[in-house]
Amino acid sequence: MRNAVIAFLLILAAVVVTKTGRDQTPRPVGGITGTLCSISPQRVTQRDGKLIGEARFHCDSPGPDRLALTVRLQRSTDAGWTTVAQQTFTAAKGETLRSVPAAQRARQVTAACSAGTYRTAAEWSVNGGRTGTALGSERRSPCR
């Protein structure tokens, strides 16, 4: 029985390895359709008296028909996290690929500087279906 389990795990590992690209990036296989995207909320920064919450993204080729991305700048309060600025952006196909300069694959929201602890939150959907959320690291008093 133990040998059968080990053999199964080896076969499973071989299948996973052969179904990825040369750079080990997972690819849709076996009837699964869709594009894989990565969303990365950045640590809140400050420039010219404004707080900046930014999220970066990239997708595998050929890119989704539609990537909807909502970027939120949030402040910590006694009651939890409160959104102080948010905006929804869309991108499609070639606009989402790694070959596009990183600055063009980033979306930002801003708010006036104020004391507190902040983070960037991102929520997205790909082709109106698959969704996800991610949170950037917290930053205390970025306006100093």
C-alpha atoms as a PDB file:
ATOM      1  CA  MET A   1       0.000   0.000   0.000  1.00  0.00           C
ATOM      2  CA  ARG A   2       2.806   2.382   0.923  1.00  0.00           C
ATOM      3  CA  ASN A   3       4.510   1.811  -2.452  1.00  0.00           C
ATOM      4  CA  ALA A   4       1.244   2.550  -4.261  1.00  0.00           C
ATOM      5  CA  VAL A   5       0.909   5.888  -2.435  1.00  0.00           C
ATOM      6  CA  ILE A   6       4.516   6.823  -3.258  1.00  0.00           C
ATOM      7  CA  ALA A   7       4.018   5.868  -6.912  1.00  0.00           C
ATOM      8  CA  PHE A   8       0.829   7.957  -7.083  1.00  0.00           C
ATOM      9  CA  LEU A   9       2.620  11.005  -5.625  1.00  0.00           C
ATOM     10  CA  LEU A  10       5.498  10.627  -8.104  1.00  0.00           C
ATOM     11  CA  ILE A  11       3.084  10.428 -11.037  1.00  0.00           C
ATOM     12  CA  LEU A  12       1.154  13.445  -9.735  1.00  0.00           C
ATOM     13  CA  ALA A  13       4.393  15.453  -9.427  1.00  0.00           C
ATOM     14  CA  ALA A  14       5.389  14.499 -12.985  1.00  0.00           C
ATOM     15  CA  VAL A  15       2.013  15.650 -14.319  1.00  0.00           C
ATOM     16  CA  VAL A  16       2.270  18.997 -12.524  1.00  0.00           C
ATOM     17  CA  VAL A  17       5.825  19.598 -13.799  1.00  0.00           C
ATOM     18  CA  THR A  18       4.968  18.752 -17.397  1.00  0.00           C
ATOM     19  CA  LYS A  19       1.897  21.027 -17.373  1.00  0.00           C
ATOM     20  CA  THR A  20       3.900  24.180 -16.581  1.00  0.00           C
ATOM     21  CA  GLY A  21       5.939  26.405 -18.855  1.00  0.00           C
ATOM     22  CA  ARG A  22       9.727  26.450 -18.969  1.00  0.00           C
ATOM     23  CA  ASP A  23       9.727  29.252 -16.380  1.00  0.00           C
ATOM     24  CA  GLN A  24       7.448  27.130 -14.115  1.00  0.00           C
ATOM     25  CA  THR A  25       4.524  29.500 -14.685  1.00  0.00           C
ATOM     26  CA  PRO A  26       1.261  27.525 -14.514  1.00  0.00           C
ATOM     27  CA  ARG A  27      -0.682  27.402 -17.764  1.00  0.00           C
ATOM     28  CA  PRO A  28      -4.385  26.607 -18.261  1.00  0.00           C
ATOM     29  CA  VAL A  29      -4.598  22.925 -19.250  1.00  0.00           C
ATOM     30  CA  GLY A  30      -6.993  20.029 -19.572  1.00  0.00           C
ATOM     31  CA  GLY A  31     -10.068  21.921 -20.716  1.00  0.00           C
ATOM     32  CA  ILE A  32      -9.623  24.721 -18.192  1.00  0.00           C
ATOM     33  CA  THR A  33     -10.013  28.073 -19.938  1.00  0.00           C
ATOM     34  CA  GLY A  34      -8.902  31.456 -18.765  1.00  0.00           C
ATOM     35  CA  THR A  35      -5.858  33.585 -18.232  1.00  0.00           C
ATOM     36  CA  LEU A  36      -3.740  33.627 -15.104  1.00  0.00           C
ATOM     37  CA  CYS A  37      -3.162  37.096 -13.648  1.00  0.00           C
ATOM     38  CA  SER A  38      -1.088  38.354 -10.734  1.00  0.00           C
ATOM     39  CA  ILE A  39      -2.182  41.402  -8.710  1.00  0.00           C
ATOM     40  CA  SER A  40       0.168  43.054  -6.215  1.00  0.00           C
ATOM     41  CA  PRO A  41      -0.971  45.864  -3.887  1.00  0.00           C
ATOM     42  CA  GLN A  42       2.009  48.058  -3.001  1.00  0.00           C
ATOM     43  CA  ARG A  43       2.916  49.640   0.313  1.00  0.00           C
ATOM     44  CA  VAL A  44       1.353  53.103   0.707  1.00  0.00           C
ATOM     45  CA  THR A  45       3.696  55.946  -0.235  1.00  0.00           C
ATOM     46  CA  GLN A  46       3.551  59.728   0.139  1.00  0.00           C
ATOM     47  CA  ARG A  47       4.383  62.404  -2.419  1.00  0.00           C
ATOM     48  CA  ASP A  48       3.594  66.114  -2.500  1.00  0.00           C
ATOM     49  CA  GLY A  49       1.286  65.944   0.507  1.00  0.00           C
ATOM     50  CA  LYS A  50      -0.734  63.037  -0.909  1.00  0.00           C
ATOM     51  CA  LEU A  51      -0.974  59.411   0.129  1.00  0.00           C
ATOM     52  CA  ILE A  52      -0.708  56.983  -2.781  1.00  0.00           C
ATOM     53  CA  GLY A  53      -2.173  53.486  -2.847  1.00  0.00           C
ATOM     54  CA  GLU A  54      -1.030  51.493  -5.877  1.00  0.00           C
ATOM     55  CA  ALA A  55      -1.676  48.016  -7.263  1.00  0.00           C
ATOM     56  CA  ARG A  56       0.359  46.411 -10.050  1.00  0.00           C
ATOM     57  CA  PHE A  57      -0.756  43.595 -12.320  1.00  0.00           C
ATOM     58  CA  HIS A  58       0.354  41.297 -15.118  1.00  0.00           C
ATOM     59  CA  CYS A  59      -1.311  38.419 -16.926  1.00  0.00           C
ATOM     60  CA  ASP A  60      -0.196  35.510 -19.054  1.00  0.00           C
ATOM     61  CA  SER A  61      -0.556  35.814 -22.812  1.00  0.00           C
ATOM     62  CA  PRO A  62      -2.868  36.479 -24.564  1.00  0.00           C
ATOM     63  CA  GLY A  63      -4.319  38.451 -21.637  1.00  0.00           C
ATOM     64  CA  PRO A  64      -7.938  38.441 -20.475  1.00  0.00           C
ATOM     65  CA  ASP A  65     -10.757  40.000 -22.464  1.00  0.00           C
ATOM     66  CA  ARG A  66     -11.372  42.139 -19.359  1.00  0.00           C
ATOM     67  CA  LEU A  67      -9.506  42.654 -16.104  1.00  0.00           C
ATOM     68  CA  ALA A  68     -11.469  44.798 -13.630  1.00  0.00           C
ATOM     69  CA  LEU A  69      -9.350  46.096 -10.746  1.00  0.00           C
ATOM     70  CA  THR A  70     -10.565  48.120  -7.775  1.00  0.00           C
ATOM     71  CA  VAL A  71      -7.775  49.817  -5.812  1.00  0.00           C
ATOM     72  CA  ARG A  72      -8.569  51.036  -2.292  1.00  0.00           C
ATOM     73  CA  LEU A  73      -6.541  53.185   0.072  1.00  0.00           C
ATOM     74  CA  GLN A  74      -7.579  52.180   3.590  1.00  0.00           C
ATOM     75  CA  ARG A  75      -6.976  53.673   7.038  1.00  0.00           C
ATOM     76  CA  SER A  76      -7.006  51.723  10.287  1.00  0.00           C
ATOM     77  CA  THR A  77      -9.641  52.831  12.806  1.00  0.00           C
ATOM     78  CA  ASP A  78     -10.927  51.447  16.095  1.00  0.00           C
ATOM     79  CA  ALA A  79     -13.765  49.835  14.124  1.00  0.00           C
ATOM     80  CA  GLY A  80     -11.454  48.224  11.521  1.00  0.00           C
ATOM     81  CA  TRP A  81     -10.280  49.369   8.103  1.00  0.00           C
ATOM     82  CA  THR A  82     -12.041  52.316   6.440  1.00  0.00           C
ATOM     83  CA  THR A  83     -11.677  53.114   2.745  1.00  0.00           C
ATOM     84  CA  VAL A  84     -10.560  56.727   2.234  1.00  0.00           C
ATOM     85  CA  ALA A  85     -10.154  56.527  -1.570  1.00  0.00           C
ATOM     86  CA  GLN A  86     -11.072  53.963  -4.206  1.00  0.00           C
ATOM     87  CA  GLN A  87     -11.381  53.643  -7.940  1.00  0.00           C
ATOM     88  CA  THR A  88     -12.150  50.830 -10.380  1.00  0.00           C
ATOM     89  CA  PHE A  89     -10.048  50.433 -13.495  1.00  0.00           C
ATOM     90  CA  THR A  90     -10.235  48.075 -16.463  1.00  0.00           C
ATOM     91  CA  ALA A  91      -7.605  46.675 -18.801  1.00  0.00           C
ATOM     92  CA  ALA A  92      -7.727  44.074 -21.552  1.00  0.00           C
ATOM     93  CA  LYS A  93      -5.620  41.719 -23.649  1.00  0.00           C
ATOM     94  CA  GLY A  94      -2.228  43.222 -24.531  1.00  0.00           C
ATOM     95  CA  GLU A  95      -2.498  45.988 -21.911  1.00  0.00           C
ATOM     96  CA  THR A  96      -2.034  43.378 -19.176  1.00  0.00           C
ATOM     97  CA  LEU A  97       1.063  41.540 -20.442  1.00  0.00           C
ATOM     98  CA  ARG A  98       4.537  41.642 -18.836  1.00  0.00           C
ATOM     99  CA  SER A  99       5.925  43.077 -22.094  1.00  0.00           C
ATOM    100  CA  VAL A 100       4.057  46.325 -21.316  1.00  0.00           C
ATOM    101  CA  PRO A 101       6.159  48.682 -19.135  1.00  0.00           C
ATOM    102  CA  ALA A 102       5.446  48.253 -15.415  1.00  0.00           C
ATOM    103  CA  ALA A 103       4.299  51.865 -15.024  1.00  0.00           C
ATOM    104  CA  GLN A 104       1.490  51.164 -17.503  1.00  0.00           C
ATOM    105  CA  ARG A 105       0.441  48.078 -15.525  1.00  0.00           C
ATOM    106  CA  ALA A 106      -0.075  50.003 -12.289  1.00  0.00           C
ATOM    107  CA  ARG A 107      -3.172  51.809 -11.032  1.00  0.00           C
ATOM    108  CA  GLN A 108      -3.225  54.385  -8.212  1.00  0.00           C
ATOM    109  CA  VAL A 109      -5.607  56.175  -5.885  1.00  0.00           C
ATOM    110  CA  THR A 110      -4.686  59.176  -3.736  1.00  0.00           C
ATOM    111  CA  ALA A 111      -5.892  60.976  -0.632  1.00  0.00           C
ATOM    112  CA  ALA A 112      -4.694  63.967   1.375  1.00  0.00           C
ATOM    113  CA  CYS A 113      -2.029  63.210   3.964  1.00  0.00           C
ATOM    114  CA  SER A 114      -3.332  62.589   7.460  1.00  0.00           C
ATOM    115  CA  ALA A 115      -1.858  60.835  10.488  1.00  0.00           C
ATOM    116  CA  GLY A 116      -2.671  57.154  10.820  1.00  0.00           C
ATOM    117  CA  THR A 117      -1.906  53.637   9.642  1.00  0.00           C
ATOM    118  CA  TYR A 118      -2.678  52.861   6.006  1.00  0.00           C
ATOM    119  CA  ARG A 119      -2.690  49.987   3.537  1.00  0.00           C
ATOM    120  CA  THR A 120      -3.576  49.361  -0.095  1.00  0.00           C
ATOM    121  CA  ALA A 121      -6.264  46.791  -0.901  1.00  0.00           C
ATOM    122  CA  ALA A 122      -7.019  45.368  -4.341  1.00  0.00           C
ATOM    123  CA  GLU A 123     -10.029  43.440  -5.593  1.00  0.00           C
ATOM    124  CA  TRP A 124     -10.268  42.090  -9.135  1.00  0.00           C
ATOM    125  CA  SER A 125     -12.206  39.965 -11.537  1.00  0.00           C
ATOM    126  CA  VAL A 126     -11.035  38.351 -14.753  1.00  0.00           C
ATOM    127  CA  ASN A 127     -13.486  38.174 -17.655  1.00  0.00           C
ATOM    128  CA  GLY A 128     -16.363  38.866 -15.249  1.00  0.00           C
ATOM    129  CA  GLY A 129     -15.834  35.520 -13.524  1.00  0.00           C
ATOM    130  CA  ARG A 130     -12.899  34.598 -11.334  1.00  0.00           C
ATOM    131  CA  THR A 131     -12.312  37.103  -8.535  1.00  0.00           C
ATOM    132  CA  GLY A 132      -9.737  37.749  -5.864  1.00  0.00           C
ATOM    133  CA  THR A 133      -8.562  40.157  -3.204  1.00  0.00           C
ATOM    134  CA  ALA A 134      -5.141  41.076  -1.855  1.00  0.00           C
ATOM    135  CA  LEU A 135      -3.819  43.414   0.822  1.00  0.00           C
ATOM    136  CA  GLY A 136      -0.615  45.422   0.868  1.00  0.00           C
ATOM    137  CA  SER A 137       1.503  45.753   4.003  1.00  0.00           C
ATOM    138  CA  GLU A 138       0.522  48.313   6.617  1.00  0.00           C
ATOM    139  CA  ARG A 139       2.371  51.599   6.877  1.00  0.00           C
ATOM    140  CA  ARG A 140       2.246  53.799   9.977  1.00  0.00           C
ATOM    141  CA  SER A 141       2.451  57.582   9.636  1.00  0.00           C
ATOM    142  CA  PRO A 142       3.522  57.816   5.977  1.00  0.00           C
ATOM    143  CA  CYS A 143       3.031  61.607   6.034  1.00  0.00           C
ATOM    144  CA  ARG A 144       6.018  62.417   8.242  1.00  0.00           C
END
